[in-house]
């Protein structure tokens, strides 16, 4: 989905908007769109600087690209059934950046575990019946 938005911005010649969008959502596309923006504005008095060229930003951009890859893989997967909502809901409240930075497998990359919610429901049912 973010890639489609980015492509629409490029196709409609909204290059500055595409650059800002890429910085936030598609850091892997940032270098390309900055070069495109600079080409389009080379005869103008204002020439954009590289949005990624901030001192000390290299590790952050690298991490953002790795996070983008994890999220892209997650969003390309087949979505969970609505009956698994509760188990799937929990995975959206995790520290994805921290897990990717530590080179850990994120919860988004793991198969959805339905066992804990089933066991918890069974324990709750047993307590209610006592």
N, C-alpha and C. Protein backbone atom coordinates (compact mmCIF):
# COMPACT_ATOMS: atom_id res chain seq x y z
N UNK A 1 0.81 -1.20 0.00
CA UNK A 1 0.00 0.00 0.00
C UNK A 1 0.86 1.27 0.00
N UNK A 2 1.88 1.38 0.88
CA UNK A 2 2.70 2.60 0.81
C UNK A 2 3.39 2.77 -0.53
N UNK A 3 3.80 1.66 -1.14
CA UNK A 3 4.47 1.75 -2.44
C UNK A 3 3.53 2.32 -3.49
N UNK A 4 2.27 1.94 -3.44
CA UNK A 4 1.30 2.46 -4.40
C UNK A 4 1.10 3.97 -4.20
N UNK A 5 1.03 4.41 -2.97
CA UNK A 5 0.89 5.85 -2.69
C UNK A 5 2.10 6.62 -3.23
N UNK A 6 3.28 6.08 -2.97
CA UNK A 6 4.52 6.69 -3.43
C UNK A 6 4.52 6.80 -4.96
N UNK A 7 4.13 5.71 -5.64
CA UNK A 7 4.11 5.71 -7.10
C UNK A 7 3.11 6.72 -7.65
N UNK A 8 1.97 6.87 -7.00
CA UNK A 8 0.99 7.87 -7.43
C UNK A 8 1.58 9.27 -7.31
N UNK A 9 2.28 9.55 -6.22
CA UNK A 9 2.91 10.86 -6.05
C UNK A 9 3.94 11.12 -7.14
N UNK A 10 4.73 10.12 -7.49
CA UNK A 10 5.73 10.27 -8.56
C UNK A 10 5.04 10.51 -9.90
N UNK A 11 4.03 9.68 -10.20
CA UNK A 11 3.33 9.79 -11.49
C UNK A 11 2.62 11.12 -11.66
N UNK A 12 2.16 11.71 -10.57
CA UNK A 12 1.45 12.99 -10.65
C UNK A 12 2.39 14.18 -10.45
N UNK A 13 3.69 13.89 -10.50
CA UNK A 13 4.72 14.93 -10.41
C UNK A 13 4.71 15.67 -9.06
N UNK A 14 4.33 15.00 -8.02
CA UNK A 14 4.37 15.56 -6.66
C UNK A 14 5.66 15.08 -6.00
N UNK A 15 6.78 15.50 -6.57
CA UNK A 15 8.08 14.99 -6.16
C UNK A 15 8.44 15.38 -4.72
N UNK A 16 8.26 16.64 -4.30
CA UNK A 16 8.58 16.97 -2.90
C UNK A 16 7.74 16.14 -1.92
N UNK A 17 6.46 15.95 -2.25
CA UNK A 17 5.59 15.14 -1.40
C UNK A 17 6.05 13.69 -1.38
N UNK A 18 6.48 13.20 -2.54
CA UNK A 18 6.98 11.82 -2.63
C UNK A 18 8.25 11.66 -1.79
N UNK A 19 9.09 12.70 -1.77
CA UNK A 19 10.32 12.64 -0.97
C UNK A 19 9.99 12.57 0.52
N UNK A 20 9.06 13.39 0.96
CA UNK A 20 8.68 13.36 2.38
C UNK A 20 7.99 12.04 2.72
N UNK A 21 7.16 11.55 1.81
CA UNK A 21 6.49 10.26 2.02
C UNK A 21 7.52 9.14 2.12
N UNK A 22 8.50 9.16 1.22
CA UNK A 22 9.54 8.14 1.23
C UNK A 22 10.35 8.19 2.52
N UNK A 23 10.62 9.38 2.99
CA UNK A 23 11.38 9.50 4.23
C UNK A 23 10.63 8.86 5.39
N UNK A 24 9.32 9.01 5.40
CA UNK A 24 8.52 8.47 6.51
C UNK A 24 8.19 6.99 6.34
N UNK A 25 7.88 6.56 5.10
CA UNK A 25 7.32 5.22 4.92
C UNK A 25 8.13 4.28 4.04
N UNK A 26 8.96 4.81 3.16
CA UNK A 26 9.73 3.97 2.23
C UNK A 26 11.17 4.47 2.14
N UNK A 27 11.93 4.36 3.21
CA UNK A 27 13.29 4.91 3.19
C UNK A 27 14.18 4.30 2.10
N UNK A 28 13.84 3.13 1.62
CA UNK A 28 14.64 2.53 0.54
C UNK A 28 14.48 3.30 -0.77
N UNK A 29 13.45 4.10 -0.91
CA UNK A 29 13.21 4.88 -2.13
C UNK A 29 13.72 6.32 -2.01
N UNK A 30 14.25 6.67 -0.87
CA UNK A 30 14.61 8.06 -0.59
C UNK A 30 15.69 8.60 -1.53
N UNK A 31 16.76 7.85 -1.74
CA UNK A 31 17.84 8.34 -2.61
C UNK A 31 17.34 8.63 -4.02
N UNK A 32 16.53 7.73 -4.56
CA UNK A 32 16.01 7.91 -5.92
C UNK A 32 15.16 9.18 -6.02
N UNK A 33 14.24 9.36 -5.09
CA UNK A 33 13.32 10.50 -5.19
C UNK A 33 14.05 11.82 -4.94
N UNK A 34 15.07 11.82 -4.11
CA UNK A 34 15.87 13.04 -3.89
C UNK A 34 16.58 13.43 -5.19
N UNK A 35 17.17 12.43 -5.87
CA UNK A 35 17.84 12.72 -7.15
C UNK A 35 16.84 13.26 -8.18
N UNK A 36 15.66 12.66 -8.20
CA UNK A 36 14.61 13.11 -9.11
C UNK A 36 14.21 14.54 -8.78
N UNK A 37 14.06 14.85 -7.52
CA UNK A 37 13.69 16.19 -7.07
C UNK A 37 14.77 17.20 -7.46
N UNK A 38 16.03 16.84 -7.25
CA UNK A 38 17.13 17.74 -7.60
C UNK A 38 17.19 17.98 -9.11
N UNK A 39 16.93 16.94 -9.90
CA UNK A 39 16.89 17.11 -11.36
C UNK A 39 15.82 18.11 -11.78
N UNK A 40 14.65 17.97 -11.19
CA UNK A 40 13.51 18.81 -11.56
C UNK A 40 13.69 20.26 -11.11
N UNK A 41 14.55 20.49 -10.12
CA UNK A 41 14.70 21.85 -9.58
C UNK A 41 16.08 22.45 -9.85
N UNK A 42 16.87 21.84 -10.73
CA UNK A 42 18.23 22.36 -10.93
C UNK A 42 18.26 23.77 -11.51
N UNK A 43 17.22 24.19 -12.21
CA UNK A 43 17.18 25.55 -12.76
C UNK A 43 16.43 26.52 -11.85
N UNK A 44 16.07 26.07 -10.67
CA UNK A 44 15.33 26.91 -9.71
C UNK A 44 16.31 27.47 -8.67
N UNK A 45 15.92 28.56 -7.99
CA UNK A 45 16.82 29.13 -6.99
C UNK A 45 16.97 28.24 -5.75
N UNK A 46 15.97 27.43 -5.45
CA UNK A 46 16.06 26.54 -4.29
C UNK A 46 16.34 25.13 -4.78
N UNK A 47 17.41 24.56 -4.28
CA UNK A 47 17.74 23.17 -4.62
C UNK A 47 17.64 22.36 -3.33
N UNK A 48 16.83 21.31 -3.33
CA UNK A 48 16.64 20.54 -2.10
C UNK A 48 17.92 19.84 -1.67
N UNK A 49 18.10 19.76 -0.38
CA UNK A 49 19.22 19.00 0.16
C UNK A 49 18.74 17.57 0.37
N UNK A 50 19.65 16.70 0.57
CA UNK A 50 19.32 15.30 0.78
C UNK A 50 18.65 15.13 2.14
N UNK A 51 17.42 14.68 2.15
CA UNK A 51 16.68 14.49 3.40
C UNK A 51 17.32 13.44 4.29
N UNK A 52 18.09 12.55 3.70
CA UNK A 52 18.73 11.49 4.47
C UNK A 52 20.12 11.89 4.95
N UNK A 53 20.62 13.04 4.48
CA UNK A 53 21.99 13.44 4.79
C UNK A 53 22.04 14.36 6.00
N UNK A 54 21.67 13.82 7.13
CA UNK A 54 21.74 14.55 8.39
C UNK A 54 22.82 13.86 9.21
N UNK A 55 23.73 14.61 9.84
CA UNK A 55 24.80 13.95 10.60
C UNK A 55 24.24 12.94 11.60
N UNK A 56 24.81 11.77 11.61
CA UNK A 56 24.38 10.73 12.53
C UNK A 56 23.12 10.00 12.11
N UNK A 57 22.62 10.29 10.92
CA UNK A 57 21.36 9.71 10.46
C UNK A 57 21.52 8.35 9.78
N UNK A 58 22.74 7.98 9.41
CA UNK A 58 22.96 6.74 8.67
C UNK A 58 22.43 5.51 9.41
N UNK A 59 22.73 5.35 10.70
CA UNK A 59 22.18 4.17 11.39
C UNK A 59 20.65 4.19 11.46
N UNK A 60 20.07 5.37 11.58
CA UNK A 60 18.61 5.48 11.65
C UNK A 60 17.99 5.10 10.31
N UNK A 61 18.56 5.58 9.21
CA UNK A 61 18.05 5.25 7.89
C UNK A 61 18.20 3.75 7.63
N UNK A 62 19.34 3.18 8.03
CA UNK A 62 19.55 1.75 7.86
C UNK A 62 18.50 0.95 8.63
N UNK A 63 18.24 1.34 9.87
CA UNK A 63 17.21 0.68 10.69
C UNK A 63 15.84 0.84 10.04
N UNK A 64 15.54 2.03 9.54
CA UNK A 64 14.24 2.28 8.91
C UNK A 64 14.05 1.40 7.68
N UNK A 65 15.10 1.18 6.91
CA UNK A 65 15.01 0.31 5.74
C UNK A 65 14.75 -1.13 6.16
N UNK A 66 15.40 -1.58 7.24
CA UNK A 66 15.17 -2.94 7.73
C UNK A 66 13.74 -3.10 8.27
N UNK A 67 13.23 -2.08 8.95
CA UNK A 67 11.85 -2.12 9.45
C UNK A 67 10.88 -2.14 8.28
N UNK A 68 11.16 -1.32 7.26
CA UNK A 68 10.31 -1.30 6.06
C UNK A 68 10.21 -2.69 5.45
N UNK A 69 11.32 -3.41 5.38
CA UNK A 69 11.32 -4.76 4.81
C UNK A 69 10.43 -5.70 5.62
N UNK A 70 10.54 -5.65 6.95
CA UNK A 70 9.72 -6.51 7.81
C UNK A 70 8.24 -6.19 7.62
N UNK A 71 7.90 -4.91 7.60
CA UNK A 71 6.50 -4.52 7.44
C UNK A 71 5.96 -4.89 6.06
N UNK A 72 6.79 -4.71 5.02
CA UNK A 72 6.35 -5.07 3.67
C UNK A 72 6.04 -6.56 3.60
N UNK A 73 6.92 -7.40 4.18
CA UNK A 73 6.69 -8.84 4.19
C UNK A 73 5.41 -9.17 4.94
N UNK A 74 5.17 -8.49 6.05
CA UNK A 74 3.98 -8.74 6.85
C UNK A 74 2.71 -8.38 6.07
N UNK A 75 2.71 -7.23 5.43
CA UNK A 75 1.51 -6.78 4.72
C UNK A 75 1.26 -7.56 3.44
N UNK A 76 2.28 -8.24 2.92
CA UNK A 76 2.09 -9.07 1.73
C UNK A 76 1.52 -10.44 2.07
N UNK A 77 1.58 -10.82 3.34
CA UNK A 77 1.04 -12.12 3.76
C UNK A 77 -0.48 -12.11 3.71
N UNK A 78 -1.03 -13.32 3.64
CA UNK A 78 -2.48 -13.44 3.71
C UNK A 78 -2.93 -13.04 5.11
N UNK A 79 -4.00 -12.31 5.19
CA UNK A 79 -4.47 -11.79 6.48
C UNK A 79 -5.17 -12.88 7.28
N UNK A 80 -5.13 -12.73 8.59
CA UNK A 80 -5.77 -13.68 9.50
C UNK A 80 -7.28 -13.57 9.39
N UNK A 81 -7.96 -14.67 9.71
CA UNK A 81 -9.42 -14.66 9.74
C UNK A 81 -9.92 -13.76 10.85
N UNK A 82 -11.09 -13.22 10.68
CA UNK A 82 -11.67 -12.32 11.69
C UNK A 82 -11.88 -13.03 13.02
N UNK A 83 -12.09 -14.34 13.00
CA UNK A 83 -12.29 -15.06 14.27
C UNK A 83 -11.01 -15.10 15.10
N UNK A 84 -9.86 -14.80 14.51
CA UNK A 84 -8.59 -14.77 15.23
C UNK A 84 -8.20 -13.34 15.60
N UNK A 85 -9.16 -12.46 15.62
CA UNK A 85 -8.90 -11.03 15.84
C UNK A 85 -8.11 -10.79 17.12
N UNK A 86 -8.53 -11.37 18.23
CA UNK A 86 -7.89 -11.08 19.52
C UNK A 86 -6.41 -11.45 19.50
N UNK A 87 -6.08 -12.60 18.96
CA UNK A 87 -4.69 -13.03 18.90
C UNK A 87 -3.88 -12.15 17.95
N UNK A 88 -4.48 -11.76 16.83
CA UNK A 88 -3.78 -10.92 15.85
C UNK A 88 -3.63 -9.48 16.36
N UNK A 89 -4.60 -9.01 17.11
CA UNK A 89 -4.60 -7.64 17.63
C UNK A 89 -3.37 -7.37 18.49
N UNK A 90 -2.99 -8.34 19.30
CA UNK A 90 -1.88 -8.19 20.23
C UNK A 90 -0.56 -7.93 19.51
N UNK A 91 -0.38 -8.50 18.31
CA UNK A 91 0.90 -8.33 17.63
C UNK A 91 1.14 -6.90 17.16
N UNK A 92 0.13 -6.08 17.13
CA UNK A 92 0.31 -4.71 16.66
C UNK A 92 0.79 -3.77 17.77
N UNK A 93 0.96 -4.29 18.97
CA UNK A 93 1.44 -3.48 20.09
C UNK A 93 2.76 -4.05 20.57
N UNK A 94 3.74 -3.99 19.73
CA UNK A 94 5.07 -4.49 20.05
C UNK A 94 6.10 -3.47 19.59
N UNK A 95 7.29 -3.64 20.07
CA UNK A 95 8.39 -2.75 19.71
C UNK A 95 9.11 -3.32 18.49
N UNK A 96 8.53 -3.08 17.32
CA UNK A 96 9.10 -3.62 16.08
C UNK A 96 10.51 -3.06 15.87
N UNK A 97 10.67 -1.76 16.07
CA UNK A 97 11.98 -1.14 15.87
C UNK A 97 13.02 -1.75 16.80
N UNK A 98 12.65 -1.96 18.05
CA UNK A 98 13.58 -2.56 19.01
C UNK A 98 13.96 -3.97 18.63
N UNK A 99 12.98 -4.74 18.17
CA UNK A 99 13.25 -6.13 17.77
C UNK A 99 14.12 -6.18 16.53
N UNK A 100 13.84 -5.33 15.55
CA UNK A 100 14.64 -5.31 14.32
C UNK A 100 16.05 -4.82 14.63
N UNK A 101 16.17 -3.81 15.47
CA UNK A 101 17.48 -3.26 15.84
C UNK A 101 18.33 -4.32 16.55
N UNK A 102 17.70 -5.16 17.35
CA UNK A 102 18.41 -6.21 18.08
C UNK A 102 18.57 -7.48 17.24
N UNK A 103 18.19 -7.40 15.97
CA UNK A 103 18.23 -8.55 15.05
C UNK A 103 17.45 -9.74 15.58
N UNK A 104 16.35 -9.46 16.27
CA UNK A 104 15.45 -10.52 16.74
C UNK A 104 14.36 -10.73 15.70
N UNK A 105 13.77 -11.91 15.73
CA UNK A 105 12.60 -12.16 14.88
C UNK A 105 11.43 -11.41 15.51
N UNK A 106 10.74 -10.61 14.73
CA UNK A 106 9.61 -9.86 15.28
C UNK A 106 8.39 -10.76 15.37
N UNK A 107 7.45 -10.36 16.21
CA UNK A 107 6.20 -11.12 16.33
C UNK A 107 5.44 -11.12 15.01
N UNK A 108 5.66 -10.11 14.18
CA UNK A 108 4.99 -10.06 12.88
C UNK A 108 5.50 -11.15 11.95
N UNK A 109 6.73 -11.61 12.18
CA UNK A 109 7.32 -12.63 11.32
C UNK A 109 6.95 -14.04 11.77
N UNK A 110 6.50 -14.18 13.01
CA UNK A 110 6.15 -15.49 13.55
C UNK A 110 4.73 -15.85 13.16
N UNK A 111 4.43 -17.15 13.07
CA UNK A 111 3.04 -17.54 12.82
C UNK A 111 2.17 -17.13 14.00
N UNK A 112 0.93 -16.86 13.73
CA UNK A 112 0.00 -16.45 14.77
C UNK A 112 -0.22 -17.61 15.73
N UNK A 113 0.00 -17.38 17.01
CA UNK A 113 -0.15 -18.41 18.03
C UNK A 113 -1.51 -18.28 18.68
N UNK A 114 -2.38 -19.23 18.40
CA UNK A 114 -3.73 -19.19 18.94
C UNK A 114 -3.84 -19.96 20.25
N UNK A 115 -2.82 -20.72 20.61
CA UNK A 115 -2.87 -21.56 21.80
C UNK A 115 -3.07 -20.77 23.09
N UNK A 116 -2.28 -19.72 23.36
CA UNK A 116 -2.44 -19.02 24.64
C UNK A 116 -3.85 -18.49 24.86
N UNK A 117 -4.46 -17.93 23.83
CA UNK A 117 -5.79 -17.37 24.02
C UNK A 117 -6.79 -18.48 24.30
N UNK A 118 -6.62 -19.65 23.69
CA UNK A 118 -7.51 -20.77 23.92
C UNK A 118 -7.34 -21.29 25.35
N UNK A 119 -6.07 -21.44 25.78
CA UNK A 119 -5.81 -21.92 27.14
C UNK A 119 -6.32 -20.92 28.17
N UNK A 120 -6.13 -19.64 27.92
CA UNK A 120 -6.62 -18.62 28.85
C UNK A 120 -8.13 -18.67 28.96
N UNK A 121 -8.81 -18.86 27.83
CA UNK A 121 -10.26 -18.95 27.85
C UNK A 121 -10.72 -20.17 28.63
N UNK A 122 -9.99 -21.30 28.48
CA UNK A 122 -10.34 -22.52 29.19
C UNK A 122 -10.16 -22.33 30.69
N UNK A 123 -9.05 -21.70 31.10
CA UNK A 123 -8.81 -21.45 32.52
C UNK A 123 -9.88 -20.53 33.08
N UNK A 124 -10.25 -19.51 32.34
CA UNK A 124 -11.29 -18.58 32.78
C UNK A 124 -12.62 -19.30 32.93
N UNK A 125 -12.94 -20.18 31.96
CA UNK A 125 -14.19 -20.94 32.03
C UNK A 125 -14.21 -21.84 33.25
N UNK A 126 -13.07 -22.48 33.58
CA UNK A 126 -13.01 -23.36 34.74
C UNK A 126 -13.17 -22.58 36.03
N UNK A 127 -12.57 -21.39 36.10
CA UNK A 127 -12.70 -20.56 37.30
C UNK A 127 -14.12 -20.07 37.46
N UNK A 128 -14.78 -19.74 36.36
CA UNK A 128 -16.16 -19.26 36.42
C UNK A 128 -17.11 -20.35 36.89
N UNK A 129 -16.83 -21.61 36.52
CA UNK A 129 -17.73 -22.71 36.89
C UNK A 129 -17.53 -23.16 38.33
N UNK A 130 -16.41 -22.78 38.98
CA UNK A 130 -16.18 -23.20 40.37
C UNK A 130 -16.91 -22.33 41.36
